[in-house]
């Protein structure tokens, strides 16, 4: 009988609202483009864009998508990133032959 009046029918969800998809995409973009940035630097950049988010939320988003924290993320350079960053030099060396 008590369950009838506990207000459970009016509740929609439990806990904090999920992080928006656009915020999550921004976090991932900033982390991938700036491999040396830590959680707090990403939070600062998002704050400059007008988005309030905690460093723990940034950590959770990166962990959920399999991205390591800044020290480990900065150590690994993907081949496509290496090529993209050195494309001008590679083209100049190739065309000088």
PDB file of N, CA and C in Angstrom:
ATOM      1  N   UNK A   1       0.821  -1.188   0.000  1.00  0.00           N
ATOM      2  CA  UNK A   1       0.000   0.000   0.000  1.00  0.00           C
ATOM      3  C   UNK A   1       0.873   1.263   0.000  1.00  0.00           C
ATOM      4  N   UNK A   2       1.994   1.237   0.705  1.00  0.00           N
ATOM      5  CA  UNK A   2       2.863   2.415   0.752  1.00  0.00           C
ATOM      6  C   UNK A   2       3.461   2.713  -0.617  1.00  0.00           C
ATOM      7  N   UNK A   3       3.726   1.692  -1.417  1.00  0.00           N
ATOM      8  CA  UNK A   3       4.314   1.878  -2.724  1.00  0.00           C
ATOM      9  C   UNK A   3       3.434   2.752  -3.619  1.00  0.00           C
ATOM     10  N   UNK A   4       2.149   2.707  -3.412  1.00  0.00           N
ATOM     11  CA  UNK A   4       1.211   3.458  -4.224  1.00  0.00           C
ATOM     12  C   UNK A   4       1.462   4.968  -4.146  1.00  0.00           C
ATOM     13  N   UNK A   5       1.931   5.451  -2.998  1.00  0.00           N
ATOM     14  CA  UNK A   5       2.103   6.887  -2.777  1.00  0.00           C
ATOM     15  C   UNK A   5       3.567   7.316  -2.657  1.00  0.00           C
ATOM     16  N   UNK A   6       4.512   6.508  -3.128  1.00  0.00           N
ATOM     17  CA  UNK A   6       5.926   6.866  -2.963  1.00  0.00           C
ATOM     18  C   UNK A   6       6.448   7.789  -4.061  1.00  0.00           C
ATOM     19  N   UNK A   7       5.657   8.131  -5.040  1.00  0.00           N
ATOM     20  CA  UNK A   7       6.062   9.047  -6.097  1.00  0.00           C
ATOM     21  C   UNK A   7       6.855   8.402  -7.213  1.00  0.00           C
ATOM     22  N   UNK A   8       6.991   7.088  -7.224  1.00  0.00           N
ATOM     23  CA  UNK A   8       7.813   6.418  -8.227  1.00  0.00           C
ATOM     24  C   UNK A   8       7.241   6.542  -9.636  1.00  0.00           C
ATOM     25  N   UNK A   9       5.967   6.734  -9.776  1.00  0.00           N
ATOM     26  CA  UNK A   9       5.370   6.868 -11.109  1.00  0.00           C
ATOM     27  C   UNK A   9       5.716   8.208 -11.749  1.00  0.00           C
ATOM     28  N   UNK A  10       6.025   9.224 -10.939  1.00  0.00           N
ATOM     29  CA  UNK A  10       6.367  10.534 -11.481  1.00  0.00           C
ATOM     30  C   UNK A  10       7.848  10.660 -11.845  1.00  0.00           C
ATOM     31  N   UNK A  11       8.689   9.789 -11.327  1.00  0.00           N
ATOM     32  CA  UNK A  11      10.123   9.853 -11.612  1.00  0.00           C
ATOM     33  C   UNK A  11      10.398   9.368 -13.026  1.00  0.00           C
ATOM     34  N   UNK A  12      11.249  10.089 -13.726  1.00  0.00           N
ATOM     35  CA  UNK A  12      11.574   9.691 -15.096  1.00  0.00           C
ATOM     36  C   UNK A  12      12.881   8.904 -15.174  1.00  0.00           C
ATOM     37  N   UNK A  13      13.891   9.337 -14.459  1.00  0.00           N
ATOM     38  CA  UNK A  13      15.169   8.627 -14.500  1.00  0.00           C
ATOM     39  C   UNK A  13      15.908   8.839 -13.189  1.00  0.00           C
ATOM     40  N   UNK A  14      16.936   8.034 -13.009  1.00  0.00           N
ATOM     41  CA  UNK A  14      17.730   8.088 -11.785  1.00  0.00           C
ATOM     42  C   UNK A  14      19.108   8.644 -12.133  1.00  0.00           C
ATOM     43  N   UNK A  15      19.654   9.495 -11.278  1.00  0.00           N
ATOM     44  CA  UNK A  15      21.021   9.983 -11.450  1.00  0.00           C
ATOM     45  C   UNK A  15      21.110  11.238 -12.293  1.00  0.00           C
ATOM     46  N   UNK A  16      22.357  11.597 -12.588  1.00  0.00           N
ATOM     47  CA  UNK A  16      22.622  12.800 -13.380  1.00  0.00           C
ATOM     48  C   UNK A  16      22.247  12.547 -14.836  1.00  0.00           C
ATOM     49  N   UNK A  17      21.893  13.619 -15.553  1.00  0.00           N
ATOM     50  CA  UNK A  17      21.629  13.448 -16.984  1.00  0.00           C
ATOM     51  C   UNK A  17      22.918  13.077 -17.713  1.00  0.00           C
ATOM     52  N   UNK A  18      22.777  12.354 -18.787  1.00  0.00           N
ATOM     53  CA  UNK A  18      23.937  11.922 -19.565  1.00  0.00           C
ATOM     54  C   UNK A  18      24.604  13.126 -20.227  1.00  0.00           C
ATOM     55  N   UNK A  19      25.894  12.999 -20.498  1.00  0.00           N
ATOM     56  CA  UNK A  19      26.624  14.039 -21.203  1.00  0.00           C
ATOM     57  C   UNK A  19      26.091  14.098 -22.636  1.00  0.00           C
ATOM     58  N   UNK A  20      25.847  15.295 -23.120  1.00  0.00           N
ATOM     59  CA  UNK A  20      25.311  15.456 -24.471  1.00  0.00           C
ATOM     60  C   UNK A  20      26.265  14.937 -25.529  1.00  0.00           C
ATOM     61  N   UNK A  21      25.702  14.507 -26.640  1.00  0.00           N
ATOM     62  CA  UNK A  21      26.504  13.940 -27.722  1.00  0.00           C
ATOM     63  C   UNK A  21      27.472  14.970 -28.294  1.00  0.00           C
ATOM     64  N   UNK A  22      27.040  16.223 -28.404  1.00  0.00           N
ATOM     65  CA  UNK A  22      27.926  17.246 -28.967  1.00  0.00           C
ATOM     66  C   UNK A  22      29.105  17.523 -28.040  1.00  0.00           C
ATOM     67  N   UNK A  23      28.854  17.547 -26.737  1.00  0.00           N
ATOM     68  CA  UNK A  23      29.942  17.758 -25.768  1.00  0.00           C
ATOM     69  C   UNK A  23      30.912  16.590 -25.837  1.00  0.00           C
ATOM     70  N   UNK A  24      30.379  15.381 -25.909  1.00  0.00           N
ATOM     71  CA  UNK A  24      31.232  14.197 -25.970  1.00  0.00           C
ATOM     72  C   UNK A  24      32.096  14.221 -27.230  1.00  0.00           C
ATOM     73  N   UNK A  25      31.523  14.628 -28.347  1.00  0.00           N
ATOM     74  CA  UNK A  25      32.296  14.718 -29.591  1.00  0.00           C
ATOM     75  C   UNK A  25      33.380  15.787 -29.498  1.00  0.00           C
ATOM     76  N   UNK A  26      33.068  16.901 -28.847  1.00  0.00           N
ATOM     77  CA  UNK A  26      34.078  17.954 -28.655  1.00  0.00           C
ATOM     78  C   UNK A  26      35.232  17.463 -27.793  1.00  0.00           C
ATOM     79  N   UNK A  27      34.913  16.746 -26.709  1.00  0.00           N
ATOM     80  CA  UNK A  27      35.954  16.198 -25.827  1.00  0.00           C
ATOM     81  C   UNK A  27      36.860  15.268 -26.624  1.00  0.00           C
ATOM     82  N   UNK A  28      36.269  14.384 -27.415  1.00  0.00           N
ATOM     83  CA  UNK A  28      37.055  13.433 -28.207  1.00  0.00           C
ATOM     84  C   UNK A  28      37.899  14.153 -29.258  1.00  0.00           C
ATOM     85  N   UNK A  29      37.335  15.158 -29.903  1.00  0.00           N
ATOM     86  CA  UNK A  29      38.077  15.913 -30.908  1.00  0.00           C
ATOM     87  C   UNK A  29      39.274  16.627 -30.292  1.00  0.00           C
ATOM     88  N   UNK A  30      39.046  17.294 -29.160  1.00  0.00           N
ATOM     89  CA  UNK A  30      40.145  18.002 -28.494  1.00  0.00           C
ATOM     90  C   UNK A  30      41.227  17.033 -28.037  1.00  0.00           C
ATOM     91  N   UNK A  31      40.828  15.886 -27.515  1.00  0.00           N
ATOM     92  CA  UNK A  31      41.808  14.905 -27.030  1.00  0.00           C
ATOM     93  C   UNK A  31      42.630  14.320 -28.176  1.00  0.00           C
ATOM     94  N   UNK A  32      41.986  14.083 -29.317  1.00  0.00           N
ATOM     95  CA  UNK A  32      42.708  13.489 -30.452  1.00  0.00           C
ATOM     96  C   UNK A  32      43.622  14.496 -31.140  1.00  0.00           C
ATOM     97  N   UNK A  33      43.164  15.742 -31.231  1.00  0.00           N
ATOM     98  CA  UNK A  33      43.967  16.756 -31.920  1.00  0.00           C
ATOM     99  C   UNK A  33      45.088  17.307 -31.053  1.00  0.00           C
ATOM    100  N   UNK A  34      44.936  17.235 -29.736  1.00  0.00           N
ATOM    101  CA  UNK A  34      45.936  17.777 -28.811  1.00  0.00           C
ATOM    102  C   UNK A  34      46.338  16.677 -27.831  1.00  0.00           C
ATOM    103  N   UNK A  35      47.208  15.807 -28.286  1.00  0.00           N
ATOM    104  CA  UNK A  35      47.538  14.600 -27.531  1.00  0.00           C
ATOM    105  C   UNK A  35      48.197  14.885 -26.184  1.00  0.00           C
ATOM    106  N   UNK A  36      48.787  16.045 -26.014  1.00  0.00           N
ATOM    107  CA  UNK A  36      49.475  16.344 -24.750  1.00  0.00           C
ATOM    108  C   UNK A  36      48.549  17.004 -23.728  1.00  0.00           C
ATOM    109  N   UNK A  37      47.333  17.346 -24.106  1.00  0.00           N
ATOM    110  CA  UNK A  37      46.407  17.996 -23.194  1.00  0.00           C
ATOM    111  C   UNK A  37      45.835  17.000 -22.210  1.00  0.00           C
ATOM    112  N   UNK A  38      45.827  17.384 -20.939  1.00  0.00           N
ATOM    113  CA  UNK A  38      45.206  16.576 -19.898  1.00  0.00           C
ATOM    114  C   UNK A  38      43.740  16.933 -19.739  1.00  0.00           C
ATOM    115  N   UNK A  39      43.110  16.288 -18.767  1.00  0.00           N
ATOM    116  CA  UNK A  39      41.682  16.490 -18.527  1.00  0.00           C
ATOM    117  C   UNK A  39      41.366  17.954 -18.239  1.00  0.00           C
ATOM    118  N   UNK A  40      42.157  18.567 -17.365  1.00  0.00           N
ATOM    119  CA  UNK A  40      41.870  19.939 -16.951  1.00  0.00           C
ATOM    120  C   UNK A  40      42.076  20.941 -18.098  1.00  0.00           C
ATOM    121  N   UNK A  41      43.001  20.690 -18.979  1.00  0.00           N
ATOM    122  CA  UNK A  41      43.211  21.579 -20.130  1.00  0.00           C
ATOM    123  C   UNK A  41      42.031  21.470 -21.089  1.00  0.00           C
ATOM    124  N   UNK A  42      41.509  20.273 -21.264  1.00  0.00           N
ATOM    125  CA  UNK A  42      40.324  20.077 -22.108  1.00  0.00           C
ATOM    126  C   UNK A  42      39.120  20.776 -21.485  1.00  0.00           C
ATOM    127  N   UNK A  43      38.991  20.678 -20.154  1.00  0.00           N
ATOM    128  CA  UNK A  43      37.905  21.372 -19.448  1.00  0.00           C
ATOM    129  C   UNK A  43      38.023  22.875 -19.661  1.00  0.00           C
ATOM    130  N   UNK A  44      39.240  23.416 -19.593  1.00  0.00           N
ATOM    131  CA  UNK A  44      39.459  24.843 -19.804  1.00  0.00           C
ATOM    132  C   UNK A  44      39.089  25.280 -21.212  1.00  0.00           C
ATOM    133  N   UNK A  45      39.454  24.468 -22.200  1.00  0.00           N
ATOM    134  CA  UNK A  45      39.122  24.795 -23.589  1.00  0.00           C
ATOM    135  C   UNK A  45      37.607  24.779 -23.793  1.00  0.00           C
ATOM    136  N   UNK A  46      36.938  23.799 -23.212  1.00  0.00           N
ATOM    137  CA  UNK A  46      35.479  23.735 -23.324  1.00  0.00           C
ATOM    138  C   UNK A  46      34.823  24.900 -22.593  1.00  0.00           C
ATOM    139  N   UNK A  47      35.411  25.309 -21.481  1.00  0.00           N
ATOM    140  CA  UNK A  47      34.891  26.441 -20.733  1.00  0.00           C
ATOM    141  C   UNK A  47      34.997  27.720 -21.562  1.00  0.00           C
ATOM    142  N   UNK A  48      36.096  27.878 -22.301  1.00  0.00           N
ATOM    143  CA  UNK A  48      36.259  29.027 -23.191  1.00  0.00           C
ATOM    144  C   UNK A  48      35.211  29.039 -24.295  1.00  0.00           C
ATOM    145  N   UNK A  49      34.719  27.846 -24.658  1.00  0.00           N
ATOM    146  CA  UNK A  49      33.675  27.741 -25.678  1.00  0.00           C
ATOM    147  C   UNK A  49      32.274  27.859 -25.086  1.00  0.00           C
ATOM    148  N   UNK A  50      32.193  27.989 -23.743  1.00  0.00           N
ATOM    149  CA  UNK A  50      30.906  28.171 -23.088  1.00  0.00           C
ATOM    150  C   UNK A  50      30.262  26.906 -22.550  1.00  0.00           C
ATOM    151  N   UNK A  51      31.031  25.822 -22.459  1.00  0.00           N
ATOM    152  CA  UNK A  51      30.503  24.553 -21.957  1.00  0.00           C
ATOM    153  C   UNK A  51      31.113  24.256 -20.588  1.00  0.00           C
ATOM    154  N   UNK A  52      30.265  24.061 -19.595  1.00  0.00           N
ATOM    155  CA  UNK A  52      30.739  23.717 -18.256  1.00  0.00           C
ATOM    156  C   UNK A  52      30.713  22.197 -18.105  1.00  0.00           C
ATOM    157  N   UNK A  53      31.866  21.630 -17.812  1.00  0.00           N
ATOM    158  CA  UNK A  53      32.003  20.182 -17.676  1.00  0.00           C
ATOM    159  C   UNK A  53      33.129  19.936 -16.671  1.00  0.00           C
ATOM    160  N   UNK A  54      33.051  18.859 -15.917  1.00  0.00           N
ATOM    161  CA  UNK A  54      34.086  18.577 -14.917  1.00  0.00           C
ATOM    162  C   UNK A  54      35.202  17.729 -15.522  1.00  0.00           C
ATOM    163  N   UNK A  55      36.360  17.752 -14.863  1.00  0.00           N
ATOM    164  CA  UNK A  55      37.477  16.939 -15.362  1.00  0.00           C
ATOM    165  C   UNK A  55      37.165  15.446 -15.241  1.00  0.00           C
ATOM    166  N   UNK A  56      36.350  15.071 -14.276  1.00  0.00           N
ATOM    167  CA  UNK A  56      35.980  13.662 -14.125  1.00  0.00           C
ATOM    168  C   UNK A  56      35.090  13.210 -15.281  1.00  0.00           C
ATOM    169  N   UNK A  57      34.236  14.092 -15.756  1.00  0.00           N
ATOM    170  CA  UNK A  57      33.400  13.759 -16.915  1.00  0.00           C
ATOM    171  C   UNK A  57      34.266  13.572 -18.149  1.00  0.00           C
ATOM    172  N   UNK A  58      35.264  14.424 -18.311  1.00  0.00           N
ATOM    173  CA  UNK A  58      36.198  14.282 -19.434  1.00  0.00           C
ATOM    174  C   UNK A  58      36.920  12.941 -19.325  1.00  0.00           C
ATOM    175  N   UNK A  59      37.371  12.605 -18.130  1.00  0.00           N
ATOM    176  CA  UNK A  59      38.056  11.324 -17.916  1.00  0.00           C
ATOM    177  C   UNK A  59      37.136  10.158 -18.259  1.00  0.00           C
ATOM    178  N   UNK A  60      35.878  10.238 -17.852  1.00  0.00           N
ATOM    179  CA  UNK A  60      34.925   9.162 -18.142  1.00  0.00           C
ATOM    180  C   UNK A  60      34.669   9.022 -19.635  1.00  0.00           C
ATOM    181  N   UNK A  61      34.541  10.135 -20.338  1.00  0.00           N
ATOM    182  CA  UNK A  61      34.301  10.098 -21.788  1.00  0.00           C
ATOM    183  C   UNK A  61      35.495   9.461 -22.491  1.00  0.00           C
ATOM    184  N   UNK A  62      36.704   9.886 -22.136  1.00  0.00           N
ATOM    185  CA  UNK A  62      37.901   9.333 -22.784  1.00  0.00           C
ATOM    186  C   UNK A  62      38.052   7.851 -22.490  1.00  0.00           C
ATOM    187  N   UNK A  63      37.766   7.456 -21.260  1.00  0.00           N
ATOM    188  CA  UNK A  63      37.865   6.046 -20.902  1.00  0.00           C
ATOM    189  C   UNK A  63      36.818   5.223 -21.650  1.00  0.00           C
ATOM    190  N   UNK A  64      35.613   5.763 -21.777  1.00  0.00           N
ATOM    191  CA  UNK A  64      34.533   5.059 -22.466  1.00  0.00           C
ATOM    192  C   UNK A  64      34.889   4.818 -23.938  1.00  0.00           C
ATOM    193  N   UNK A  65      35.685   5.706 -24.526  1.00  0.00           N
ATOM    194  CA  UNK A  65      36.055   5.579 -25.936  1.00  0.00           C
ATOM    195  C   UNK A  65      37.456   5.007 -26.130  1.00  0.00           C
ATOM    196  N   UNK A  66      38.057   4.525 -25.057  1.00  0.00           N
ATOM    197  CA  UNK A  66      39.343   3.836 -25.159  1.00  0.00           C
ATOM    198  C   UNK A  66      40.544   4.741 -25.354  1.00  0.00           C
ATOM    199  N   UNK A  67      40.437   6.016 -24.996  1.00  0.00           N
ATOM    200  CA  UNK A  67      41.580   6.925 -25.094  1.00  0.00           C
ATOM    201  C   UNK A  67      42.273   7.008 -23.738  1.00  0.00           C
ATOM    202  N   UNK A  68      43.577   6.912 -23.763  1.00  0.00           N
ATOM    203  CA  UNK A  68      44.362   6.929 -22.531  1.00  0.00           C
ATOM    204  C   UNK A  68      44.502   8.360 -22.003  1.00  0.00           C
ATOM    205  N   UNK A  69      44.898   8.517 -20.736  1.00  0.00           N
ATOM    206  CA  UNK A  69      45.193   9.853 -20.199  1.00  0.00           C
ATOM    207  C   UNK A  69      46.346  10.503 -20.969  1.00  0.00           C
ATOM    208  N   UNK A  70      46.522  11.801 -20.799  1.00  0.00           N
ATOM    209  CA  UNK A  70      47.480  12.590 -21.585  1.00  0.00           C
ATOM    210  C   UNK A  70      48.895  12.023 -21.632  1.00  0.00           C
ATOM    211  N   UNK A  71      49.502  11.603 -20.511  1.00  0.00           N
ATOM    212  CA  UNK A  71      50.883  11.125 -20.635  1.00  0.00           C
ATOM    213  C   UNK A  71      51.019   9.930 -21.579  1.00  0.00           C
ATOM    214  N   UNK A  72      50.091   8.979 -21.498  1.00  0.00           N
ATOM    215  CA  UNK A  72      50.157   7.803 -22.376  1.00  0.00           C
ATOM    216  C   UNK A  72      49.702   8.146 -23.785  1.00  0.00           C
ATOM    217  N   UNK A  73      48.704   9.026 -23.905  1.00  0.00           N
ATOM    218  CA  UNK A  73      48.174   9.412 -25.208  1.00  0.00           C
ATOM    219  C   UNK A  73      49.245  10.149 -26.006  1.00  0.00           C
ATOM    220  N   UNK A  74      50.073  10.931 -25.326  1.00  0.00           N
ATOM    221  CA  UNK A  74      51.119  11.688 -26.000  1.00  0.00           C
ATOM    222  C   UNK A  74      52.275  10.833 -26.475  1.00  0.00           C
ATOM    223  N   UNK A  75      52.473   9.665 -25.891  1.00  0.00           N
ATOM    224  CA  UNK A  75      53.604   8.799 -26.244  1.00  0.00           C
ATOM    225  C   UNK A  75      53.381   8.065 -27.560  1.00  0.00           C
ATOM    226  N   UNK A  76      52.132   7.791 -27.883  1.00  0.00           N
ATOM    227  CA  UNK A  76      51.836   7.019 -29.086  1.00  0.00           C
ATOM    228  C   UNK A  76      51.416   7.964 -30.207  1.00  0.00           C
ATOM    229  N   UNK A  77      52.121   7.916 -31.314  1.00  0.00           N
ATOM    230  CA  UNK A  77      51.748   8.697 -32.487  1.00  0.00           C
ATOM    231  C   UNK A  77      51.235   7.730 -33.536  1.00  0.00           C
ATOM    232  N   UNK A  78      50.027   7.964 -33.963  1.00  0.00           N
ATOM    233  CA  UNK A  78      49.461   7.130 -35.013  1.00  0.00           C
ATOM    234  C   UNK A  78      50.133   7.461 -36.338  1.00  0.00           C
ATOM    235  N   UNK A  79      50.238   6.478 -37.216  1.00  0.00           N
ATOM    236  CA  UNK A  79      50.901   6.649 -38.491  1.00  0.00           C
ATOM    237  C   UNK A  79      50.229   7.762 -39.303  1.00  0.00           C
ATOM    238  N   UNK A  80      48.879   7.786 -39.313  1.00  0.00           N
ATOM    239  CA  UNK A  80      48.178   8.817 -40.091  1.00  0.00           C
ATOM    240  C   UNK A  80      48.459  10.215 -39.537  1.00  0.00           C
ATOM    241  N   UNK A  81      48.616  10.328 -38.209  1.00  0.00           N
ATOM    242  CA  UNK A  81      48.943  11.622 -37.611  1.00  0.00           C
ATOM    243  C   UNK A  81      50.363  12.051 -37.969  1.00  0.00           C
ATOM    244  N   UNK A  82      51.280  11.095 -37.996  1.00  0.00           N
ATOM    245  CA  UNK A  82      52.658  11.385 -38.367  1.00  0.00           C
ATOM    246  C   UNK A  82      52.727  11.884 -39.813  1.00  0.00           C
ATOM    247  N   UNK A  83      52.055  11.177 -40.695  1.00  0.00           N
ATOM    248  CA  UNK A  83      52.052  11.559 -42.112  1.00  0.00           C
ATOM    249  C   UNK A  83      51.432  12.944 -42.284  1.00  0.00           C
ATOM    250  N   UNK A  84      50.307  13.182 -41.608  1.00  0.00           N
ATOM    251  CA  UNK A  84      49.616  14.469 -41.731  1.00  0.00           C
ATOM    252  C   UNK A  84      50.511  15.613 -41.262  1.00  0.00           C
ATOM    253  N   UNK A  85      51.220  15.411 -40.170  1.00  0.00           N
ATOM    254  CA  UNK A  85      52.045  16.494 -39.632  1.00  0.00           C
ATOM    255  C   UNK A  85      53.329  16.706 -40.432  1.00  0.00           C
ATOM    256  N   UNK A  86      53.782  15.701 -41.180  1.00  0.00           N
ATOM    257  CA  UNK A  86      55.028  15.822 -41.941  1.00  0.00           C
ATOM    258  C   UNK A  86      54.789  15.809 -43.453  1.00  0.00           C
ATOM    259  N   UNK A  87      53.555  16.008 -43.871  1.00  0.00           N
ATOM    260  CA  UNK A  87      53.208  15.900 -45.283  1.00  0.00           C
ATOM    261  C   UNK A  87      53.980  16.890 -46.145  1.00  0.00           C
ATOM    262  N   UNK A  88      54.125  18.126 -45.678  1.00  0.00           N
ATOM    263  CA  UNK A  88      54.852  19.134 -46.452  1.00  0.00           C
ATOM    264  C   UNK A  88      56.304  18.727 -46.688  1.00  0.00           C
ATOM    265  N   UNK A  89      56.943  18.262 -45.619  1.00  0.00           N
ATOM    266  CA  UNK A  89      58.345  17.857 -45.737  1.00  0.00           C
ATOM    267  C   UNK A  89      58.489  16.645 -46.634  1.00  0.00           C
ATOM    268  N   UNK A  90      57.594  15.659 -46.480  1.00  0.00           N
ATOM    269  CA  UNK A  90      57.650  14.474 -47.323  1.00  0.00           C
ATOM    270  C   UNK A  90      57.444  14.820 -48.792  1.00  0.00           C
ATOM    271  N   UNK A  91      56.528  15.737 -49.086  1.00  0.00           N
ATOM    272  CA  UNK A  91      56.283  16.145 -50.475  1.00  0.00           C
ATOM    273  C   UNK A  91      57.490  16.888 -51.038  1.00  0.00           C
ATOM    274  N   UNK A  92      58.137  17.720 -50.216  1.00  0.00           N
ATOM    275  CA  UNK A  92      59.293  18.476 -50.681  1.00  0.00           C
ATOM    276  C   UNK A  92      60.465  17.548 -50.984  1.00  0.00           C
ATOM    277  N   UNK A  93      60.670  16.547 -50.149  1.00  0.00           N
ATOM    278  CA  UNK A  93      61.765  15.602 -50.369  1.00  0.00           C
ATOM    279  C   UNK A  93      61.495  14.765 -51.605  1.00  0.00           C
ATOM    280  N   UNK A  94      60.248  14.361 -51.793  1.00  0.00           N
ATOM    281  CA  UNK A  94      59.889  13.520 -52.931  1.00  0.00           C
ATOM    282  C   UNK A  94      60.000  14.292 -54.254  1.00  0.00           C
ATOM    283  N   UNK A  95      59.634  15.563 -54.259  1.00  0.00           N
ATOM    284  CA  UNK A  95      59.656  16.338 -55.500  1.00  0.00           C
ATOM    285  C   UNK A  95      61.065  16.835 -55.877  1.00  0.00           C
ATOM    286  N   UNK A  96      62.010  16.737 -54.954  1.00  0.00           N
ATOM    287  CA  UNK A  96      63.365  17.247 -55.239  1.00  0.00           C
ATOM    288  C   UNK A  96      64.173  16.253 -56.063  1.00  0.00           C
ATOM    289  N   UNK A  97      63.672  15.089 -56.296  1.00  0.00           N
ATOM    290  CA  UNK A  97      64.441  14.081 -57.058  1.00  0.00           C
ATOM    291  C   UNK A  97      64.419  14.341 -58.512  1.00  0.00           C
TER     292      UNK A  97
END
